[in-house]
Amino acid sequence: MGPELAGVLQLLALIGALALAYVPLGNYMAKVYSSRGHLRVEKWIYKAIGANADTEMTWPAYLRGVLAFSAASVLFLYLLQRLQGVLPGSMNFSSVDPAQSFNTAVSFVTNTNWQSYSGEQAMGHVVQTAGLTVQNFVSAAVGMAVAVALVRGFARSRTGELGNFWSDLVRGTLRILLPGAAIAAVILVACGVIQNFSGIHEVGQFMGGSQQWNGGAVASQEAIKEFGTNGGGYFNANSAHPFENPTPFTNLLEIFLILVIPFSLTRTFGVMVGNVKQGYAILATMFTIWLSFVALMMWSEFAHHGAALQAAGGAMEGKEVRFGIGSSSIFATSTTLTSTGAVDSFHSSFTGLGGGIAMLGMMLGEIAPGGTGSGLYGMLIMAVIAVFIAGLMVGRTPEYLGKKIGGREMKLAACYILITPALVLVFTAASMALPTPPHSMLNSGAHGFSEVLYAFTSASNNNGSAFAGLNANTDWFNTMTGLAMLLGRFLPMVFVLALAGSLAEQKPVPVTAGTLRTEKPLFTGLLVGAILIITGLTYFPALALGPLAEGLA
């Protein structure tokens, strides 16, 4: 079997598995967020934190809950790292430096999971399990809660209430993420992923020095790392490390875990607004973009010119030989089109165009299918933009799901789509203009520029993957990427929740002969076009200086 055919068969198996999970998982998540009852353990949690889970919140109150919880999480994780040197179970690792502690705390709380450190050389069991793994759960649950609040904004009318943040947070964690991750962790252990609390072992002498390996609760972190679209690896090599990802089957399983919640949330959306066809339209948009990017990535990596590449069957540099080009291309596309950031190969070693495709996937806003929650609310914002464009074309007040898209709604949507590109371009420009930051670049020229552009694209979009050619463990990059992650996560949430509150207050508009049918293929095509055009106009000059210049050289 040739490598191209193997890649296609893996892609078909992945699509089949996602299709089987779509309806039951989507319906289950809709039931979780629509239920009025509370589990006993949930009641204990509400009592412990002093929250009244039955109180409905307006969008400012919901936002305050998001920000308060996230601020407390950043502080807790920062202190945990700074105190690591005196905590038990830290494997004799010293406390983490202040700049890196700030960067890592922000990274995991914002669901970015950008890592400027080597996990096996910096973080002990306490920080890994009590800090990073916990944030993998709750940061994903925060994103899902905000998405559900926006869905309620479309579904409700004549009210400013969007649900209860504390209830949505706890339910998403206990009823969705925890059981799913537990099942995935058991499968990963059965397939060879390690799960223990052992220390550092010397396994032999190599080239005059000893080789050391860490143990750790890897399977439990790996499961939620993918299922919650987090991406932070226990080891520096991430999912290219055999302790995290030992076989081609676990590699395909991890890709499935990355994609299953974001795709299935479109079903949840359709069920909660009372029209599953609307969910299928959003799903079709996400799937069209994702499949197109996978095909482009495979083509760029298999068909690159050069005698050595042709003899190897494609561009094998930076690829894990256990998985090959096809599986690595699917993983790279899926992780950058979601907010995951996990890698099973190194994107800096991809071809110029291949690296550009990975970067462009993040620049779209990670909406195809995006992160746990963030992908859905990002796509719904783009749907609002698309119906506004359609309204301008026909001279009619735009409507979406029975809600008018007026001046206030468009201002909020415009702010949402502008904030992330502004962060990416401003931070990249500052890094290239100042004398010191370019010293972190491994390469010069277009590829070196791509390393910096990729870093701030990843941080601002809360992705977390790296080009693997940039030394990001400096005060400048730790601080600036930390700020980019904070602003890139929470400023868009302000606009999403404000838009949800505005929509929930509206009176539904009856469907007429002139209403745009947003469940039809025509709207799907319009939405795909709007996404690509907006992204192209925003980022094309920067891409032309980096991956396009390298790919065409």
Protein backbone atom coordinates (compact mmCIF):
# COMPACT_ATOMS: atom_id res chain seq x y z
CA MET A 1 0.00 0.00 0.00
CA GLY A 2 1.38 3.40 -1.00
CA PRO A 3 1.63 6.27 1.50
CA GLU A 4 -0.94 8.32 -0.40
CA LEU A 5 -3.55 5.54 -0.27
CA ALA A 6 -2.80 4.95 3.42
CA GLY A 7 -3.41 8.63 4.13
CA VAL A 8 -6.72 8.61 2.25
CA LEU A 9 -7.93 5.46 4.05
CA GLN A 10 -7.09 6.98 7.42
CA LEU A 11 -9.00 10.11 6.44
CA LEU A 12 -12.06 8.07 5.45
CA ALA A 13 -11.93 6.10 8.72
CA LEU A 14 -11.74 9.35 10.69
CA ILE A 15 -14.72 10.85 8.85
CA GLY A 16 -16.73 7.68 9.47
CA ALA A 17 -15.99 7.74 13.21
CA LEU A 18 -16.93 11.42 13.46
CA ALA A 19 -20.19 10.76 11.59
CA LEU A 20 -21.13 7.97 14.00
CA ALA A 21 -20.55 10.19 17.04
CA TYR A 22 -22.19 13.35 15.65
CA VAL A 23 -25.86 12.84 16.47
CA PRO A 24 -25.64 11.05 19.85
CA LEU A 25 -22.94 13.37 21.25
CA GLY A 26 -24.59 16.50 19.88
CA ASN A 27 -27.98 15.53 21.31
CA TYR A 28 -26.41 14.62 24.64
CA MET A 29 -24.67 17.98 24.97
CA ALA A 30 -27.92 19.80 24.14
CA LYS A 31 -29.65 17.80 26.88
CA VAL A 32 -26.87 18.62 29.38
CA TYR A 33 -27.14 22.36 28.83
CA SER A 34 -30.95 22.38 28.70
CA SER A 35 -31.52 20.33 31.84
CA ARG A 36 -32.97 22.01 34.93
CA GLY A 37 -31.93 19.36 37.43
CA HIS A 38 -28.59 19.11 39.24
CA LEU A 39 -26.56 16.07 40.19
CA ARG A 40 -25.71 15.63 43.86
CA VAL A 41 -22.00 16.26 43.28
CA GLU A 42 -22.89 19.41 41.37
CA LYS A 43 -24.91 20.69 44.31
CA TRP A 44 -21.90 20.11 46.57
CA ILE A 45 -19.73 22.15 44.22
CA TYR A 46 -22.24 25.02 44.05
CA LYS A 47 -22.43 25.08 47.83
CA ALA A 48 -18.64 25.05 48.16
CA ILE A 49 -18.15 28.02 45.82
CA GLY A 50 -21.23 29.90 47.06
CA ALA A 51 -23.02 29.93 43.68
CA ASN A 52 -26.78 29.81 43.08
CA ALA A 53 -26.96 27.67 39.95
CA ASP A 54 -30.68 28.35 39.42
CA THR A 55 -30.26 32.11 38.99
CA GLU A 56 -30.37 33.33 35.41
CA MET A 57 -27.67 35.82 34.39
CA THR A 58 -27.65 38.76 32.00
CA TRP A 59 -24.63 39.03 29.73
CA PRO A 60 -22.64 41.38 32.04
CA ALA A 61 -23.16 39.00 34.97
CA TYR A 62 -22.24 36.00 32.82
CA LEU A 63 -19.08 37.80 31.68
CA ARG A 64 -18.14 38.68 35.25
CA GLY A 65 -18.36 34.99 36.14
CA VAL A 66 -16.10 34.05 33.21
CA LEU A 67 -13.50 36.70 34.08
CA ALA A 68 -13.56 36.09 37.84
CA PHE A 69 -13.12 32.34 37.46
CA SER A 70 -10.36 32.75 34.87
CA ALA A 71 -8.49 35.34 36.97
CA ALA A 72 -8.57 33.06 40.01
CA SER A 73 -7.33 30.18 37.84
CA VAL A 74 -4.39 32.22 36.50
CA LEU A 75 -3.38 33.22 40.02
CA PHE A 76 -3.64 29.65 41.36
CA LEU A 77 -1.61 28.15 38.53
CA TYR A 78 1.01 30.92 38.73
CA LEU A 79 1.50 30.37 42.46
CA LEU A 80 1.63 26.59 42.00
CA GLN A 81 4.56 26.96 39.61
CA ARG A 82 6.36 29.54 41.73
CA LEU A 83 6.08 27.22 44.76
CA GLN A 84 7.03 24.03 42.91
CA GLY A 85 10.45 23.87 44.55
CA VAL A 86 8.95 23.34 48.01
CA LEU A 87 5.98 21.15 47.06
CA PRO A 88 6.03 17.37 47.53
CA GLY A 89 5.95 15.21 44.43
CA SER A 90 7.79 17.77 42.31
CA MET A 91 10.62 15.40 41.28
CA ASN A 92 13.23 17.83 42.68
CA PHE A 93 12.44 20.40 39.99
CA SER A 94 13.01 24.00 41.04
CA SER A 95 10.38 26.72 40.99
CA VAL A 96 9.53 28.10 37.55
CA ASP A 97 10.81 31.58 36.69
CA PRO A 98 8.28 34.45 37.03
CA ALA A 99 7.98 35.27 33.29
CA GLN A 100 7.55 31.63 32.33
CA SER A 101 5.12 31.02 35.21
CA PHE A 102 2.99 33.91 33.97
CA ASN A 103 3.13 32.68 30.40
CA THR A 104 2.24 29.09 31.31
CA ALA A 105 -0.56 30.08 33.71
CA VAL A 106 -2.16 32.31 31.09
CA SER A 107 -1.57 29.70 28.41
CA PHE A 108 -3.45 26.88 30.14
CA VAL A 109 -6.26 29.05 31.52
CA THR A 110 -6.97 30.51 28.08
CA ASN A 111 -7.14 27.02 26.48
CA THR A 112 -4.04 27.93 24.44
CA ASN A 113 -1.51 25.59 26.06
CA TRP A 114 1.46 27.28 24.42
CA GLN A 115 4.62 25.83 25.98
CA SER A 116 7.94 27.67 26.13
CA TYR A 117 9.41 24.91 28.33
CA SER A 118 10.19 21.19 28.14
CA GLY A 119 7.63 19.45 30.33
CA GLU A 120 9.87 16.56 31.34
CA GLN A 121 12.60 18.99 32.42
CA ALA A 122 10.56 21.68 34.18
CA MET A 123 7.25 20.46 35.61
CA GLY A 124 6.78 17.90 38.39
CA HIS A 125 3.80 15.69 39.07
CA VAL A 126 1.99 18.25 41.24
CA VAL A 127 2.05 21.04 38.65
CA GLN A 128 1.25 18.64 35.80
CA THR A 129 -1.76 16.99 37.48
CA ALA A 130 -3.16 19.50 39.99
CA GLY A 131 -2.39 22.49 37.78
CA LEU A 132 -2.16 21.83 34.06
CA THR A 133 -4.52 18.86 33.76
CA VAL A 134 -7.23 20.57 35.82
CA GLN A 135 -7.03 23.64 33.61
CA ASN A 136 -7.35 21.42 30.55
CA PHE A 137 -10.83 20.54 31.80
CA VAL A 138 -12.13 23.85 33.08
CA SER A 139 -10.70 26.09 30.33
CA ALA A 140 -12.45 23.93 27.74
CA ALA A 141 -15.66 24.07 29.79
CA VAL A 142 -15.48 27.89 29.85
CA GLY A 143 -15.35 28.00 26.05
CA MET A 144 -18.32 25.66 25.77
CA ALA A 145 -20.27 27.76 28.29
CA VAL A 146 -19.77 30.95 26.26
CA ALA A 147 -20.84 29.16 23.08
CA VAL A 148 -24.00 27.88 24.77
CA ALA A 149 -24.76 31.40 26.03
CA LEU A 150 -24.64 32.68 22.44
CA VAL A 151 -26.88 29.84 21.27
CA ARG A 152 -29.38 30.80 23.97
CA GLY A 153 -29.23 34.36 22.67
CA PHE A 154 -30.49 33.10 19.31
CA ALA A 155 -33.02 30.71 20.86
CA ARG A 156 -34.57 33.10 23.42
CA SER A 157 -36.58 36.29 22.94
CA ARG A 158 -37.69 39.29 25.00
CA THR A 159 -35.26 38.50 27.79
CA GLY A 160 -31.69 39.44 28.59
CA GLU A 161 -31.00 36.20 30.43
CA LEU A 162 -28.45 33.75 29.03
CA GLY A 163 -28.38 31.00 31.65
CA ASN A 164 -26.02 30.56 34.57
CA PHE A 165 -22.25 30.49 34.02
CA TRP A 166 -21.46 28.39 37.11
CA SER A 167 -24.01 25.77 36.13
CA ASP A 168 -22.75 25.64 32.54
CA LEU A 169 -19.14 25.40 33.73
CA VAL A 170 -19.76 22.56 36.17
CA ARG A 171 -22.04 20.59 33.84
CA GLY A 172 -19.66 20.87 30.92
CA THR A 173 -16.81 19.60 33.10
CA LEU A 174 -18.58 16.80 34.98
CA ARG A 175 -21.10 15.55 32.44
CA ILE A 176 -19.21 15.94 29.14
CA LEU A 177 -15.46 16.39 29.48
CA LEU A 178 -14.76 14.16 32.47
CA PRO A 179 -16.53 10.97 31.27
CA GLY A 180 -15.27 11.39 27.71
CA ALA A 181 -11.68 11.91 28.84
CA ALA A 182 -11.89 8.97 31.24
CA ILE A 183 -12.95 6.61 28.46
CA ALA A 184 -10.24 7.96 26.16
CA ALA A 185 -7.58 7.62 28.88
CA VAL A 186 -8.43 3.95 29.45
CA ILE A 187 -8.12 3.27 25.71
CA LEU A 188 -4.80 5.12 25.56
CA VAL A 189 -3.40 3.12 28.50
CA ALA A 190 -4.50 -0.10 26.83
CA CYS A 191 -2.62 0.99 23.71
CA GLY A 192 0.63 1.77 25.52
CA VAL A 193 0.45 5.34 26.83
CA ILE A 194 2.02 5.48 30.30
CA GLN A 195 0.10 6.37 33.47
CA ASN A 196 2.07 6.44 36.71
CA PHE A 197 3.76 8.70 39.25
CA SER A 198 7.27 7.34 38.95
CA GLY A 199 10.34 9.57 38.97
CA ILE A 200 13.28 9.95 36.62
CA HIS A 201 14.93 6.77 35.34
CA GLU A 202 18.27 6.27 33.66
CA VAL A 203 17.78 3.77 30.85
CA GLY A 204 21.30 3.37 29.54
CA GLN A 205 24.43 4.99 28.17
CA PHE A 206 24.35 6.63 24.78
CA MET A 207 27.28 8.39 23.09
CA GLY A 208 29.11 8.82 26.38
CA GLY A 209 26.12 10.13 28.37
CA SER A 210 23.12 8.70 30.17
CA GLN A 211 19.58 8.72 28.78
CA GLN A 212 16.86 9.67 31.25
CA TRP A 213 13.09 9.25 31.01
CA ASN A 214 10.34 10.62 33.23
CA GLY A 215 7.24 8.80 34.30
CA GLY A 216 3.97 10.61 34.81
CA ALA A 217 0.18 10.58 34.62
CA VAL A 218 0.41 10.97 30.86
CA ALA A 219 -2.69 9.13 29.59
CA SER A 220 -5.08 11.15 31.75
CA GLN A 221 -3.53 14.43 30.57
CA GLU A 222 -3.26 13.27 26.97
CA ALA A 223 -6.96 12.38 26.82
CA ILE A 224 -8.25 15.79 27.94
CA LYS A 225 -5.43 17.51 26.05
CA GLU A 226 -7.10 16.36 22.83
CA PHE A 227 -10.75 16.03 23.91
CA GLY A 228 -10.77 19.58 25.26
CA THR A 229 -8.75 20.94 22.29
CA ASN A 230 -5.99 22.01 24.67
CA GLY A 231 -2.73 20.73 23.20
CA GLY A 232 -0.17 21.03 26.00
CA GLY A 233 1.98 17.91 26.04
CA TYR A 234 3.46 16.14 29.06
CA PHE A 235 6.71 15.89 27.10
CA ASN A 236 8.43 18.46 24.91
CA ALA A 237 7.93 16.34 21.78
CA ASN A 238 4.16 16.41 22.43
CA SER A 239 2.23 13.80 20.44
CA ALA A 240 5.38 12.79 18.56
CA HIS A 241 6.62 11.22 21.83
CA PRO A 242 5.95 7.46 22.05
CA PHE A 243 4.88 7.78 25.70
CA GLU A 244 2.06 10.11 24.59
CA ASN A 245 1.24 8.63 21.20
CA PRO A 246 2.72 5.15 20.68
CA THR A 247 0.92 3.73 17.61
CA PRO A 248 -0.83 4.78 14.38
CA PHE A 249 -4.14 3.81 16.05
CA THR A 250 -3.60 6.16 19.00
CA ASN A 251 -2.60 8.87 16.52
CA LEU A 252 -5.92 8.51 14.68
CA LEU A 253 -7.77 8.33 18.02
CA GLU A 254 -6.18 11.59 19.13
CA ILE A 255 -7.24 13.33 15.91
CA PHE A 256 -10.77 12.02 16.49
CA LEU A 257 -10.76 13.39 20.04
CA ILE A 258 -9.63 16.79 18.77
CA LEU A 259 -12.49 17.07 16.29
CA VAL A 260 -15.44 15.28 17.85
CA ILE A 261 -16.75 17.96 20.24
CA PRO A 262 -16.30 20.96 17.90
CA PHE A 263 -18.09 19.20 15.03
CA SER A 264 -20.82 17.77 17.31
CA LEU A 265 -21.56 21.17 18.85
CA THR A 266 -23.20 22.15 15.56
CA ARG A 267 -25.81 19.46 16.29
CA THR A 268 -26.18 20.88 19.80
CA PHE A 269 -26.75 24.31 18.25
CA GLY A 270 -29.42 23.00 15.88
CA VAL A 271 -31.27 21.16 18.65
CA MET A 272 -31.22 24.12 21.04
CA VAL A 273 -32.53 26.62 18.45
CA GLY A 274 -35.22 24.15 17.38
CA ASN A 275 -33.98 23.67 13.81
CA VAL A 276 -31.39 20.93 13.23
CA LYS A 277 -31.03 22.00 9.58
CA GLN A 278 -29.36 25.18 10.80
CA GLY A 279 -26.83 23.00 12.58
CA TYR A 280 -26.23 21.01 9.40
CA ALA A 281 -25.54 24.24 7.48
CA ILE A 282 -22.88 25.26 9.99
CA LEU A 283 -21.48 21.70 9.96
CA ALA A 284 -21.28 21.75 6.14
CA THR A 285 -19.32 25.01 6.26
CA MET A 286 -16.87 23.67 8.85
CA PHE A 287 -16.44 20.34 7.08
CA THR A 288 -15.91 21.90 3.64
CA ILE A 289 -13.08 24.10 4.93
CA TRP A 290 -11.50 21.32 7.02
CA LEU A 291 -11.54 18.76 4.20
CA SER A 292 -10.19 21.30 1.70
CA PHE A 293 -7.31 22.17 4.00
CA VAL A 294 -6.49 18.50 4.61
CA ALA A 295 -6.39 17.89 0.85
CA LEU A 296 -4.17 20.93 0.27
CA MET A 297 -1.83 19.91 3.08
CA MET A 298 -1.49 16.36 1.74
CA TRP A 299 -0.81 17.67 -1.75
CA SER A 300 1.84 20.13 -0.60
CA GLU A 301 3.65 17.49 1.47
CA PHE A 302 3.40 14.56 -0.97
CA ALA A 303 4.04 16.39 -4.25
CA HIS A 304 6.87 18.75 -3.31
CA HIS A 305 9.63 18.83 -5.93
CA GLY A 306 13.11 17.45 -5.39
CA ALA A 307 14.88 14.13 -6.02
CA ALA A 308 15.32 13.31 -2.31
CA LEU A 309 11.68 14.11 -1.54
CA GLN A 310 10.46 12.03 -4.47
CA ALA A 311 12.60 9.08 -3.36
CA ALA A 312 11.21 9.31 0.18
CA GLY A 313 7.64 9.48 -1.11
CA GLY A 314 7.21 13.08 0.01
CA ALA A 315 8.57 15.68 2.40
CA MET A 316 9.55 13.48 5.34
CA GLU A 317 11.66 16.05 7.21
CA GLY A 318 10.11 16.69 10.62
CA LYS A 319 7.55 13.90 10.19
CA GLU A 320 7.21 10.99 12.61
CA VAL A 321 8.11 7.88 10.60
CA ARG A 322 5.58 5.80 12.57
CA PHE A 323 2.74 7.88 11.14
CA GLY A 324 3.94 9.06 7.74
CA ILE A 325 3.01 12.10 5.69
CA GLY A 326 -0.71 11.40 5.34
CA SER A 327 -1.46 11.02 9.03
CA SER A 328 0.85 13.90 9.94
CA SER A 329 -0.94 16.14 7.43
CA ILE A 330 -4.35 15.28 8.90
CA PHE A 331 -3.06 15.92 12.42
CA ALA A 332 -1.40 19.24 11.50
CA THR A 333 -4.51 20.51 9.72
CA SER A 334 -6.87 19.42 12.47
CA THR A 335 -4.79 20.88 15.28
CA THR A 336 -4.44 24.30 13.60
CA LEU A 337 -8.06 24.50 12.46
CA THR A 338 -9.03 23.88 16.08
CA SER A 339 -7.60 25.57 19.15
CA THR A 340 -5.64 22.46 20.06
CA GLY A 341 -1.98 23.07 19.30
CA ALA A 342 -0.92 19.44 19.80
CA VAL A 343 1.57 18.19 17.20
CA ASP A 344 2.78 14.80 16.01
CA SER A 345 5.28 16.40 13.60
CA PHE A 346 7.10 19.73 13.49
CA HIS A 347 5.46 22.41 11.42
CA SER A 348 8.70 24.33 10.90
CA SER A 349 9.94 21.40 8.81
CA PHE A 350 6.88 21.29 6.59
CA THR A 351 7.23 22.63 3.07
CA GLY A 352 6.83 26.39 2.69
CA LEU A 353 3.25 26.05 1.44
CA GLY A 354 2.46 23.34 4.01
CA GLY A 355 3.54 25.60 6.86
CA GLY A 356 1.47 28.39 5.32
CA ILE A 357 -1.62 26.17 5.24
CA ALA A 358 -1.21 25.40 8.95
CA MET A 359 -0.80 29.10 9.67
CA LEU A 360 -3.80 30.06 7.53
CA GLY A 361 -5.94 27.56 9.43
CA MET A 362 -5.35 29.54 12.60
CA MET A 363 -5.83 32.85 10.81
CA LEU A 364 -9.35 31.83 9.79
CA GLY A 365 -10.15 32.13 13.49
CA GLU A 366 -10.04 28.39 14.17
CA ILE A 367 -13.66 27.92 13.20
CA ALA A 368 -13.47 24.81 11.02
CA PRO A 369 -14.38 23.23 13.36
CA GLY A 370 -12.51 25.31 15.96
CA GLY A 371 -12.04 24.71 19.65
CA THR A 372 -14.47 23.39 22.26
CA GLY A 373 -17.02 26.18 22.14
CA SER A 374 -14.82 28.82 20.57
CA GLY A 375 -15.20 27.24 17.14
CA LEU A 376 -18.99 27.36 17.30
CA TYR A 377 -19.28 30.92 18.54
CA GLY A 378 -16.62 32.06 16.05
CA MET A 379 -18.53 30.46 13.18
CA LEU A 380 -21.83 31.97 14.35
CA ILE A 381 -20.19 35.40 14.36
CA MET A 382 -19.11 34.79 10.76
CA ALA A 383 -22.68 33.71 9.95
CA VAL A 384 -23.90 37.07 11.25
CA ILE A 385 -21.36 38.80 8.97
CA ALA A 386 -22.48 36.66 6.01
CA VAL A 387 -26.19 37.46 6.40
CA PHE A 388 -25.31 41.15 6.71
CA ILE A 389 -23.41 40.95 3.41
CA ALA A 390 -26.39 39.17 1.83
CA GLY A 391 -28.70 41.88 3.16
CA LEU A 392 -26.57 44.58 1.55
CA MET A 393 -26.67 42.71 -1.77
CA VAL A 394 -30.48 42.58 -1.90
CA GLY A 395 -31.27 45.79 -0.02
CA ARG A 396 -33.03 44.10 2.88
CA THR A 397 -32.53 44.23 6.65
CA PRO A 398 -30.47 41.12 7.44
CA GLU A 399 -31.95 38.44 9.67
CA TYR A 400 -30.52 35.26 11.17
CA LEU A 401 -32.61 32.69 13.01
CA GLY A 402 -35.46 35.17 13.32
CA LYS A 403 -33.29 37.94 14.80
CA LYS A 404 -32.56 41.23 13.04
CA ILE A 405 -28.92 42.05 12.55
CA GLY A 406 -28.84 45.79 13.12
CA GLY A 407 -26.15 48.35 13.78
CA ARG A 408 -25.41 47.22 17.33
CA GLU A 409 -25.08 43.57 16.35
CA MET A 410 -22.80 44.40 13.41
CA LYS A 411 -20.53 46.59 15.53
CA LEU A 412 -20.08 43.75 18.02
CA ALA A 413 -19.44 41.22 15.23
CA ALA A 414 -16.95 43.59 13.55
CA CYS A 415 -15.06 44.11 16.80
CA TYR A 416 -14.87 40.35 17.22
CA ILE A 417 -13.32 39.71 13.81
CA LEU A 418 -10.88 42.65 14.08
CA ILE A 419 -9.37 42.11 17.52
CA THR A 420 -7.39 38.92 16.80
CA PRO A 421 -5.78 40.08 13.51
CA ALA A 422 -4.80 43.33 15.23
CA LEU A 423 -3.05 41.40 17.99
CA VAL A 424 -1.24 39.12 15.54
CA LEU A 425 0.02 41.87 13.25
CA VAL A 426 0.94 44.40 15.94
CA PHE A 427 2.90 41.94 18.09
CA THR A 428 4.64 40.45 15.03
CA ALA A 429 5.61 43.90 13.74
CA ALA A 430 6.96 44.92 17.15
CA SER A 431 9.01 41.72 17.41
CA MET A 432 10.56 42.23 13.99
CA ALA A 433 11.24 45.94 14.54
CA LEU A 434 12.99 45.69 17.91
CA PRO A 435 16.66 44.63 18.00
CA THR A 436 16.51 41.71 20.47
CA PRO A 437 13.47 39.49 19.59
CA PRO A 438 14.78 38.47 16.12
CA HIS A 439 17.75 36.83 17.85
CA SER A 440 15.31 34.06 18.93
CA MET A 441 14.78 33.06 15.29
CA LEU A 442 16.52 29.85 14.24
CA ASN A 443 16.31 30.81 10.57
CA SER A 444 16.69 34.05 8.65
CA GLY A 445 14.68 35.45 5.77
CA ALA A 446 11.12 34.42 4.98
CA HIS A 447 11.23 31.30 7.14
CA GLY A 448 12.46 33.23 10.15
CA PHE A 449 9.66 35.75 9.71
CA SER A 450 7.20 32.84 9.50
CA GLU A 451 8.45 31.59 12.89
CA VAL A 452 7.54 34.87 14.57
CA LEU A 453 4.28 35.32 12.65
CA TYR A 454 3.27 31.75 13.51
CA ALA A 455 4.04 32.30 17.21
CA PHE A 456 1.74 35.31 17.57
CA THR A 457 -0.91 33.79 15.31
CA SER A 458 -0.92 30.74 17.58
CA ALA A 459 -0.98 32.79 20.80
CA SER A 460 -3.62 35.33 19.72
CA ASN A 461 -5.93 32.61 18.37
CA ASN A 462 -5.39 30.48 21.51
CA ASN A 463 -4.01 27.60 19.48
CA GLY A 464 -0.71 26.82 21.20
CA SER A 465 1.21 25.01 18.47
CA ALA A 466 4.64 26.34 17.54
CA PHE A 467 6.76 26.40 14.41
CA ALA A 468 9.44 24.69 16.52
CA GLY A 469 12.18 26.97 15.22
CA LEU A 470 11.76 29.87 17.61
CA ASN A 471 13.31 30.23 21.06
CA ALA A 472 10.23 31.54 22.86
CA ASN A 473 11.65 31.16 26.37
CA THR A 474 12.78 34.77 26.67
CA ASP A 475 11.31 37.59 28.74
CA TRP A 476 10.02 39.29 25.58
CA PHE A 477 8.22 36.30 24.08
CA ASN A 478 6.99 34.95 27.42
CA THR A 479 5.45 38.33 28.26
CA MET A 480 4.16 39.31 24.81
CA THR A 481 2.68 35.92 23.93
CA GLY A 482 1.11 35.88 27.42
CA LEU A 483 -0.57 39.22 26.73
CA ALA A 484 -1.63 38.04 23.27
CA MET A 485 -3.22 34.92 24.78
CA LEU A 486 -5.11 36.90 27.43
CA LEU A 487 -6.43 39.53 25.04
CA GLY A 488 -7.10 36.99 22.28
CA ARG A 489 -9.22 34.85 24.62
CA PHE A 490 -11.23 37.29 26.68
CA LEU A 491 -11.79 40.36 24.48
CA PRO A 492 -13.65 38.26 21.86
CA MET A 493 -15.74 36.73 24.67
CA VAL A 494 -16.86 40.22 25.68
CA PHE A 495 -18.23 40.83 22.20
CA VAL A 496 -19.78 37.33 21.96
CA LEU A 497 -21.68 37.68 25.24
CA ALA A 498 -22.74 41.27 24.45
CA LEU A 499 -24.09 40.03 21.10
CA ALA A 500 -25.88 37.15 22.84
CA GLY A 501 -27.55 39.58 25.24
CA SER A 502 -28.63 41.86 22.39
CA LEU A 503 -30.14 38.97 20.43
CA ALA A 504 -31.95 37.53 23.46
CA GLU A 505 -33.72 40.85 24.05
CA GLN A 506 -35.18 40.95 20.54
CA LYS A 507 -38.65 39.99 19.43
CA PRO A 508 -38.57 37.20 16.80
CA VAL A 509 -39.09 38.31 13.20
CA PRO A 510 -41.53 36.17 11.18
CA VAL A 511 -40.21 34.33 8.14
CA THR A 512 -41.33 35.88 4.83
CA ALA A 513 -40.72 35.23 1.15
CA GLY A 514 -37.72 37.57 1.28
CA THR A 515 -36.02 35.88 4.23
CA LEU A 516 -32.62 34.39 3.44
CA ARG A 517 -32.82 30.62 3.96
CA THR A 518 -29.75 30.07 6.08
CA GLU A 519 -30.16 26.30 6.14
CA LYS A 520 -29.63 26.00 2.35
CA PRO A 521 -26.41 25.22 0.42
CA LEU A 522 -26.45 28.75 -1.01
CA PHE A 523 -25.86 30.19 2.46
CA THR A 524 -23.14 27.63 3.15
CA GLY A 525 -21.32 28.78 0.01
CA LEU A 526 -21.79 32.43 0.98
CA LEU A 527 -20.42 31.72 4.46
CA VAL A 528 -17.35 29.88 3.15
CA GLY A 529 -16.67 32.72 0.72
CA ALA A 530 -17.05 35.41 3.39
CA ILE A 531 -14.61 33.58 5.71
CA LEU A 532 -11.94 33.15 3.04
CA ILE A 533 -12.26 36.69 1.65
CA ILE A 534 -12.13 38.38 5.06
CA THR A 535 -9.13 36.30 6.12
CA GLY A 536 -7.34 36.83 2.81
CA LEU A 537 -7.78 40.59 2.86
CA THR A 538 -6.53 40.74 6.44
CA TYR A 539 -3.49 38.49 6.34
CA PHE A 540 -2.33 38.29 2.72
CA PRO A 541 0.47 40.91 3.05
CA ALA A 542 1.92 39.10 6.08
CA LEU A 543 1.63 35.69 4.40
CA ALA A 544 3.32 37.08 1.30
CA LEU A 545 6.37 38.02 3.39
CA GLY A 546 6.60 34.58 5.00
CA PRO A 547 5.25 31.23 3.78
CA LEU A 548 4.23 32.38 0.29
CA ALA A 549 7.65 33.90 -0.37
CA GLU A 550 9.33 30.73 0.87
CA GLY A 551 7.00 28.39 -1.02
CA LEU A 552 7.45 30.23 -4.33
CA ALA A 553 11.23 30.63 -3.98
